[in-house]
């Protein structure tokens, strides 16, 4: 006997007898980050230079990962958590300048890995960054 969709009962009154919270496949992160190696492949670059300005100082470094919500960089001096910053970098020929807040700072091999959350990233820049992930999935530059 062949089954049909009509043989399956309705789900109108379906209830679950336990609390269910789906796992976030990204862990605690809301957005997938594009790693430096993937970015460098897409853009055919060896590294992406970053400039960061605080009220008191300027920093230079390079990009570690990127998402529409923030980035991670390596710099040679510490930037404290919760410090407001301005960040500037180029993705290919596209110049991105954005405000941010330092969310974490860890020391590694004499340098500092700084995580920065974007504040008011331009919508076009956010779409462009999100599109980089798609470009990688389809193997395009």
N, C-alpha and C. Protein backbone atom coordinates (compact mmCIF):
# COMPACT_ATOMS: atom_id res chain seq x y z
N UNK A 1 0.84 -1.18 0.00
CA UNK A 1 0.00 0.00 0.00
C UNK A 1 0.89 1.25 0.00
N UNK A 2 0.54 2.21 -0.79
CA UNK A 2 1.31 3.43 -0.93
C UNK A 2 0.79 4.48 0.05
N UNK A 3 1.70 5.13 0.79
CA UNK A 3 1.31 6.19 1.71
C UNK A 3 1.11 7.49 0.95
N UNK A 4 0.22 8.32 1.49
CA UNK A 4 0.03 9.64 0.90
C UNK A 4 0.07 10.68 2.02
N UNK A 5 0.17 11.92 1.64
CA UNK A 5 0.20 13.00 2.64
C UNK A 5 -1.12 13.05 3.42
N UNK A 6 -2.19 12.62 2.83
CA UNK A 6 -3.50 12.65 3.51
C UNK A 6 -3.57 11.64 4.66
N UNK A 7 -2.69 10.65 4.68
CA UNK A 7 -2.68 9.66 5.75
C UNK A 7 -2.04 10.19 7.03
N UNK A 8 -1.35 11.31 6.95
CA UNK A 8 -0.66 11.87 8.11
C UNK A 8 -1.64 12.76 8.86
N UNK A 9 -1.78 12.55 10.21
CA UNK A 9 -2.75 13.33 10.97
C UNK A 9 -2.35 14.80 11.08
N UNK A 10 -3.33 15.64 11.40
CA UNK A 10 -3.13 17.07 11.54
C UNK A 10 -2.24 17.37 12.75
N UNK A 11 -1.52 18.48 12.71
CA UNK A 11 -0.67 18.90 13.81
C UNK A 11 -1.28 20.09 14.56
N UNK A 12 -2.54 20.40 14.30
CA UNK A 12 -3.17 21.57 14.89
C UNK A 12 -3.09 21.60 16.41
N UNK A 13 -3.31 20.50 17.07
CA UNK A 13 -3.32 20.46 18.54
C UNK A 13 -2.04 19.87 19.13
N UNK A 14 -0.99 19.87 18.36
CA UNK A 14 0.27 19.29 18.82
C UNK A 14 0.87 20.13 19.94
N UNK A 15 1.28 19.47 21.01
CA UNK A 15 1.96 20.13 22.12
C UNK A 15 3.20 19.33 22.48
N UNK A 16 4.16 20.02 23.03
CA UNK A 16 5.40 19.39 23.47
C UNK A 16 5.38 19.37 24.99
N UNK A 17 5.72 18.23 25.58
CA UNK A 17 5.64 18.12 27.04
C UNK A 17 6.97 18.41 27.73
N UNK A 18 7.87 19.14 27.07
CA UNK A 18 9.12 19.55 27.69
C UNK A 18 9.50 20.92 27.12
N UNK A 19 10.34 21.61 27.85
CA UNK A 19 10.84 22.90 27.38
C UNK A 19 11.93 22.64 26.35
N UNK A 20 11.82 23.26 25.21
CA UNK A 20 12.79 23.06 24.15
C UNK A 20 13.37 24.40 23.73
N UNK A 21 14.67 24.47 23.77
CA UNK A 21 15.38 25.62 23.26
C UNK A 21 16.39 25.11 22.24
N UNK A 22 16.24 25.50 20.98
CA UNK A 22 17.18 24.99 19.97
C UNK A 22 18.58 25.53 20.22
N UNK A 23 19.57 24.70 19.90
CA UNK A 23 20.95 25.13 20.02
C UNK A 23 21.26 26.18 18.97
N UNK A 24 22.03 27.16 19.35
CA UNK A 24 22.50 28.15 18.40
C UNK A 24 23.73 27.55 17.73
N UNK A 25 23.68 27.30 16.43
CA UNK A 25 24.83 26.67 15.77
C UNK A 25 26.08 27.53 15.78
N UNK A 26 25.94 28.80 16.12
CA UNK A 26 27.08 29.70 16.16
C UNK A 26 27.64 29.83 17.56
N UNK A 27 27.16 29.03 18.51
CA UNK A 27 27.58 29.18 19.89
C UNK A 27 26.92 30.41 20.47
N UNK A 28 27.67 31.28 21.10
CA UNK A 28 27.11 32.49 21.67
C UNK A 28 27.00 33.60 20.63
N UNK A 29 27.57 33.41 19.48
CA UNK A 29 27.61 34.47 18.47
C UNK A 29 26.36 34.48 17.62
N UNK A 30 25.92 35.68 17.34
CA UNK A 30 24.75 35.86 16.50
C UNK A 30 25.10 35.79 15.01
N UNK A 31 26.32 36.18 14.66
CA UNK A 31 26.75 36.24 13.27
C UNK A 31 27.98 35.37 13.05
N UNK A 32 28.01 34.74 11.91
CA UNK A 32 29.20 33.97 11.52
C UNK A 32 30.31 34.94 11.19
N UNK A 33 31.48 34.68 11.71
CA UNK A 33 32.64 35.52 11.42
C UNK A 33 33.42 34.93 10.26
N UNK A 34 33.94 35.80 9.44
CA UNK A 34 34.78 35.38 8.32
C UNK A 34 36.21 35.48 8.80
N UNK A 35 36.93 34.37 8.80
CA UNK A 35 38.31 34.37 9.31
C UNK A 35 39.25 35.09 8.36
N UNK A 36 40.40 35.46 8.90
CA UNK A 36 41.39 36.17 8.08
C UNK A 36 41.83 35.35 6.88
N UNK A 37 42.04 34.05 7.04
CA UNK A 37 42.52 33.25 5.91
C UNK A 37 41.48 33.22 4.79
N UNK A 38 40.20 33.13 5.14
CA UNK A 38 39.14 33.14 4.13
C UNK A 38 39.06 34.51 3.47
N UNK A 39 39.10 35.56 4.28
CA UNK A 39 39.08 36.92 3.73
C UNK A 39 40.24 37.15 2.77
N UNK A 40 41.42 36.72 3.18
CA UNK A 40 42.60 36.95 2.36
C UNK A 40 42.51 36.17 1.05
N UNK A 41 41.89 34.99 1.08
CA UNK A 41 41.68 34.23 -0.15
C UNK A 41 40.70 34.94 -1.08
N UNK A 42 39.58 35.40 -0.50
CA UNK A 42 38.57 36.09 -1.30
C UNK A 42 39.13 37.34 -1.94
N UNK A 43 39.89 38.11 -1.16
CA UNK A 43 40.39 39.41 -1.62
C UNK A 43 41.77 39.34 -2.26
N UNK A 44 42.38 38.15 -2.24
CA UNK A 44 43.73 37.96 -2.77
C UNK A 44 44.71 38.92 -2.10
N UNK A 45 44.66 38.95 -0.77
CA UNK A 45 45.53 39.81 0.04
C UNK A 45 46.34 38.94 1.00
N UNK A 46 47.48 39.47 1.43
CA UNK A 46 48.28 38.78 2.44
C UNK A 46 47.81 39.12 3.85
N UNK A 47 47.33 40.34 4.03
CA UNK A 47 46.74 40.76 5.29
C UNK A 47 45.93 42.02 5.05
N UNK A 48 45.08 42.37 6.01
CA UNK A 48 44.29 43.59 5.92
C UNK A 48 44.67 44.48 7.09
N UNK A 49 45.27 45.61 6.77
CA UNK A 49 45.72 46.56 7.80
C UNK A 49 44.52 47.27 8.41
N UNK A 50 44.64 47.56 9.70
CA UNK A 50 43.58 48.22 10.47
C UNK A 50 44.18 49.42 11.18
N UNK A 51 43.44 50.50 11.25
CA UNK A 51 43.80 51.65 12.08
C UNK A 51 42.68 51.84 13.09
N UNK A 52 43.08 52.05 14.34
CA UNK A 52 42.12 52.26 15.42
C UNK A 52 42.50 53.55 16.13
N UNK A 53 41.50 54.39 16.42
CA UNK A 53 41.74 55.62 17.16
C UNK A 53 40.85 55.63 18.41
N UNK A 54 41.47 55.98 19.52
CA UNK A 54 40.72 56.24 20.76
C UNK A 54 40.87 57.73 21.05
N UNK A 55 40.27 58.20 22.12
CA UNK A 55 40.39 59.61 22.49
C UNK A 55 41.83 59.99 22.79
N UNK A 56 42.66 59.00 23.20
CA UNK A 56 44.02 59.30 23.64
C UNK A 56 45.13 58.75 22.75
N UNK A 57 44.82 57.83 21.85
CA UNK A 57 45.90 57.17 21.13
C UNK A 57 45.44 56.63 19.78
N UNK A 58 46.43 56.25 18.95
CA UNK A 58 46.19 55.58 17.67
C UNK A 58 46.90 54.23 17.70
N UNK A 59 46.31 53.25 17.04
CA UNK A 59 46.87 51.90 16.97
C UNK A 59 46.83 51.44 15.53
N UNK A 60 47.78 50.61 15.16
CA UNK A 60 47.74 49.93 13.86
C UNK A 60 47.84 48.44 14.13
N UNK A 61 47.28 47.68 13.25
CA UNK A 61 47.30 46.23 13.40
C UNK A 61 46.78 45.57 12.14
N UNK A 62 46.31 44.34 12.30
CA UNK A 62 45.76 43.63 11.15
C UNK A 62 44.52 42.85 11.58
N UNK A 63 43.67 42.60 10.60
CA UNK A 63 42.38 41.96 10.81
C UNK A 63 42.53 40.46 11.04
N UNK A 64 41.79 39.96 12.04
CA UNK A 64 41.74 38.51 12.31
C UNK A 64 40.45 37.89 11.81
N UNK A 65 39.32 38.54 12.10
CA UNK A 65 38.04 38.06 11.57
C UNK A 65 37.07 39.23 11.49
N UNK A 66 35.97 38.99 10.76
CA UNK A 66 35.05 40.07 10.45
C UNK A 66 33.64 39.53 10.33
N UNK A 67 32.66 40.29 10.83
CA UNK A 67 31.25 39.99 10.64
C UNK A 67 30.53 41.33 10.52
N UNK A 68 29.26 41.32 10.15
CA UNK A 68 28.51 42.58 10.08
C UNK A 68 28.34 43.24 11.45
N UNK A 69 28.62 42.54 12.52
CA UNK A 69 28.45 43.09 13.87
C UNK A 69 29.75 43.51 14.53
N UNK A 70 30.90 43.07 14.00
CA UNK A 70 32.15 43.44 14.64
C UNK A 70 33.34 42.76 14.00
N UNK A 71 34.49 42.92 14.65
CA UNK A 71 35.72 42.33 14.12
C UNK A 71 36.68 42.03 15.26
N UNK A 72 37.71 41.28 14.92
CA UNK A 72 38.82 41.04 15.84
C UNK A 72 40.09 41.44 15.11
N UNK A 73 40.98 42.10 15.85
CA UNK A 73 42.22 42.58 15.28
C UNK A 73 43.38 42.21 16.19
N UNK A 74 44.58 42.28 15.65
CA UNK A 74 45.80 42.13 16.44
C UNK A 74 46.51 43.47 16.42
N UNK A 75 46.84 43.98 17.61
CA UNK A 75 47.62 45.21 17.75
C UNK A 75 48.74 44.94 18.75
N UNK A 76 49.71 45.85 18.81
CA UNK A 76 50.86 45.59 19.69
C UNK A 76 50.72 46.22 21.08
N UNK A 77 49.62 46.94 21.33
CA UNK A 77 49.38 47.52 22.65
C UNK A 77 47.95 47.23 23.08
N UNK A 78 47.74 47.15 24.37
CA UNK A 78 46.42 46.84 24.90
C UNK A 78 45.45 48.01 24.73
N UNK A 79 44.19 47.68 24.44
CA UNK A 79 43.10 48.64 24.47
C UNK A 79 42.10 48.06 25.49
N UNK A 80 41.78 48.81 26.49
CA UNK A 80 40.91 48.32 27.57
C UNK A 80 39.48 48.08 27.08
N UNK A 81 38.79 47.17 27.76
CA UNK A 81 37.39 46.89 27.47
C UNK A 81 36.53 48.12 27.69
N UNK A 82 35.46 48.23 26.92
CA UNK A 82 34.44 49.28 27.00
C UNK A 82 34.93 50.63 26.48
N UNK A 83 36.12 50.70 25.91
CA UNK A 83 36.64 51.95 25.35
C UNK A 83 35.99 52.17 23.99
N UNK A 84 35.43 53.37 23.75
CA UNK A 84 34.91 53.67 22.42
C UNK A 84 36.06 53.93 21.45
N UNK A 85 35.93 53.45 20.23
CA UNK A 85 36.98 53.58 19.23
C UNK A 85 36.38 53.94 17.87
N UNK A 86 37.24 54.39 16.98
CA UNK A 86 36.91 54.48 15.57
C UNK A 86 37.87 53.55 14.86
N UNK A 87 37.35 52.77 13.93
CA UNK A 87 38.13 51.76 13.22
C UNK A 87 38.06 52.05 11.72
N UNK A 88 39.20 51.96 11.06
CA UNK A 88 39.23 52.14 9.62
C UNK A 88 40.03 51.04 8.95
N UNK A 89 39.52 50.55 7.81
CA UNK A 89 40.21 49.50 7.05
C UNK A 89 39.64 49.47 5.64
N UNK A 90 40.33 48.77 4.75
CA UNK A 90 39.88 48.58 3.39
C UNK A 90 39.57 47.11 3.18
N UNK A 91 38.44 46.84 2.55
CA UNK A 91 38.12 45.49 2.10
C UNK A 91 38.19 45.58 0.58
N UNK A 92 39.28 45.09 0.02
CA UNK A 92 39.53 45.32 -1.40
C UNK A 92 39.72 46.81 -1.60
N UNK A 93 38.88 47.42 -2.43
CA UNK A 93 38.96 48.87 -2.65
C UNK A 93 37.92 49.62 -1.82
N UNK A 94 37.11 48.91 -1.07
CA UNK A 94 36.06 49.53 -0.26
C UNK A 94 36.62 50.00 1.07
N UNK A 95 36.50 51.29 1.34
CA UNK A 95 36.96 51.88 2.60
C UNK A 95 35.83 51.82 3.61
N UNK A 96 36.13 51.27 4.80
CA UNK A 96 35.16 51.18 5.89
C UNK A 96 35.71 51.95 7.08
N UNK A 97 34.93 52.90 7.57
CA UNK A 97 35.25 53.63 8.80
C UNK A 97 34.01 53.54 9.68
N UNK A 98 34.20 53.05 10.90
CA UNK A 98 33.05 52.79 11.77
C UNK A 98 33.40 53.03 13.23
N UNK A 99 32.40 53.43 14.00
CA UNK A 99 32.57 53.54 15.45
C UNK A 99 32.42 52.15 16.04
N UNK A 100 33.05 51.94 17.20
CA UNK A 100 32.93 50.65 17.86
C UNK A 100 33.20 50.76 19.35
N UNK A 101 32.97 49.65 20.03
CA UNK A 101 33.24 49.52 21.46
C UNK A 101 34.12 48.28 21.63
N UNK A 102 35.21 48.42 22.37
CA UNK A 102 36.07 47.27 22.65
C UNK A 102 35.32 46.35 23.61
N UNK A 103 35.14 45.10 23.19
CA UNK A 103 34.42 44.12 24.02
C UNK A 103 35.36 43.16 24.74
N UNK A 104 36.54 42.91 24.17
CA UNK A 104 37.50 42.05 24.86
C UNK A 104 38.91 42.34 24.37
N UNK A 105 39.86 42.01 25.23
CA UNK A 105 41.27 42.23 24.93
C UNK A 105 42.07 41.13 25.62
N UNK A 106 42.79 40.34 24.84
CA UNK A 106 43.60 39.27 25.40
C UNK A 106 45.01 39.34 24.83
N UNK A 107 45.97 38.98 25.65
CA UNK A 107 47.36 39.01 25.21
C UNK A 107 47.74 37.64 24.67
N UNK A 108 48.52 37.64 23.58
CA UNK A 108 48.97 36.40 22.97
C UNK A 108 50.26 36.67 22.22
N UNK A 109 51.32 35.97 22.59
CA UNK A 109 52.62 36.07 21.94
C UNK A 109 53.10 37.53 21.83
N UNK A 110 52.90 38.30 22.88
CA UNK A 110 53.39 39.66 22.91
C UNK A 110 52.52 40.69 22.21
N UNK A 111 51.44 40.24 21.58
CA UNK A 111 50.49 41.14 20.93
C UNK A 111 49.13 41.02 21.61
N UNK A 112 48.21 41.87 21.23
CA UNK A 112 46.88 41.86 21.82
C UNK A 112 45.83 41.58 20.76
N UNK A 113 44.95 40.64 21.08
CA UNK A 113 43.79 40.35 20.23
C UNK A 113 42.65 41.16 20.81
N UNK A 114 42.11 42.06 20.00
CA UNK A 114 41.07 42.97 20.44
C UNK A 114 39.79 42.67 19.68
N UNK A 115 38.70 42.45 20.42
CA UNK A 115 37.38 42.25 19.82
C UNK A 115 36.60 43.55 19.91
N UNK A 116 36.08 43.99 18.77
CA UNK A 116 35.37 45.27 18.71
C UNK A 116 33.98 45.04 18.13
N UNK A 117 32.97 45.54 18.83
CA UNK A 117 31.59 45.50 18.35
C UNK A 117 31.31 46.80 17.62
N UNK A 118 30.75 46.71 16.40
CA UNK A 118 30.44 47.91 15.64
C UNK A 118 29.27 48.65 16.26
N UNK A 119 29.30 49.98 16.15
CA UNK A 119 28.20 50.84 16.55
C UNK A 119 27.80 51.62 15.30
N UNK A 120 26.60 51.41 14.83
CA UNK A 120 26.08 52.14 13.66
C UNK A 120 26.89 51.92 12.38
N UNK A 121 27.20 50.67 12.07
CA UNK A 121 27.85 50.38 10.80
C UNK A 121 26.89 50.73 9.67
N UNK A 122 27.38 51.43 8.68
CA UNK A 122 26.58 51.81 7.52
C UNK A 122 25.93 50.56 6.93
N UNK A 123 24.66 50.67 6.54
CA UNK A 123 23.91 49.52 6.04
C UNK A 123 24.54 48.92 4.79
N UNK A 124 25.07 49.75 3.91
CA UNK A 124 25.74 49.24 2.70
C UNK A 124 26.99 48.46 3.06
N UNK A 125 27.76 48.96 4.04
CA UNK A 125 28.96 48.24 4.48
C UNK A 125 28.59 46.91 5.13
N UNK A 126 27.53 46.91 5.93
CA UNK A 126 27.07 45.67 6.57
C UNK A 126 26.66 44.64 5.52
N UNK A 127 25.94 45.08 4.51
CA UNK A 127 25.53 44.17 3.43
C UNK A 127 26.73 43.65 2.66
N UNK A 128 27.70 44.52 2.43
CA UNK A 128 28.91 44.11 1.71
C UNK A 128 29.66 43.05 2.50
N UNK A 129 29.82 43.27 3.81
CA UNK A 129 30.52 42.30 4.67
C UNK A 129 29.77 40.98 4.69
N UNK A 130 28.45 41.04 4.85
CA UNK A 130 27.65 39.81 4.84
C UNK A 130 27.78 39.09 3.50
N UNK A 131 27.90 39.84 2.43
CA UNK A 131 28.05 39.25 1.10
C UNK A 131 29.36 38.53 0.89
N UNK A 132 30.38 38.90 1.66
CA UNK A 132 31.67 38.21 1.54
C UNK A 132 31.53 36.74 1.89
N UNK A 133 30.71 36.44 2.87
CA UNK A 133 30.49 35.04 3.26
C UNK A 133 29.84 34.28 2.10
N UNK A 134 28.89 34.91 1.45
CA UNK A 134 28.23 34.30 0.30
C UNK A 134 29.23 34.09 -0.83
N UNK A 135 30.09 35.09 -1.05
CA UNK A 135 31.10 34.97 -2.10
C UNK A 135 31.99 33.76 -1.84
N UNK A 136 32.34 33.53 -0.60
CA UNK A 136 33.19 32.39 -0.23
C UNK A 136 32.45 31.08 -0.51
N UNK A 137 31.16 31.04 -0.17
CA UNK A 137 30.37 29.82 -0.38
C UNK A 137 30.29 29.45 -1.86
N UNK A 138 30.25 30.46 -2.72
CA UNK A 138 30.15 30.21 -4.14
C UNK A 138 31.49 30.24 -4.86
N UNK A 139 32.57 30.44 -4.09
CA UNK A 139 33.90 30.41 -4.66
C UNK A 139 34.21 31.58 -5.56
N UNK A 140 33.59 32.73 -5.29
CA UNK A 140 33.79 33.92 -6.12
C UNK A 140 34.54 34.98 -5.34
N UNK A 141 35.17 35.87 -6.07
CA UNK A 141 35.84 37.01 -5.47
C UNK A 141 34.95 38.22 -5.53
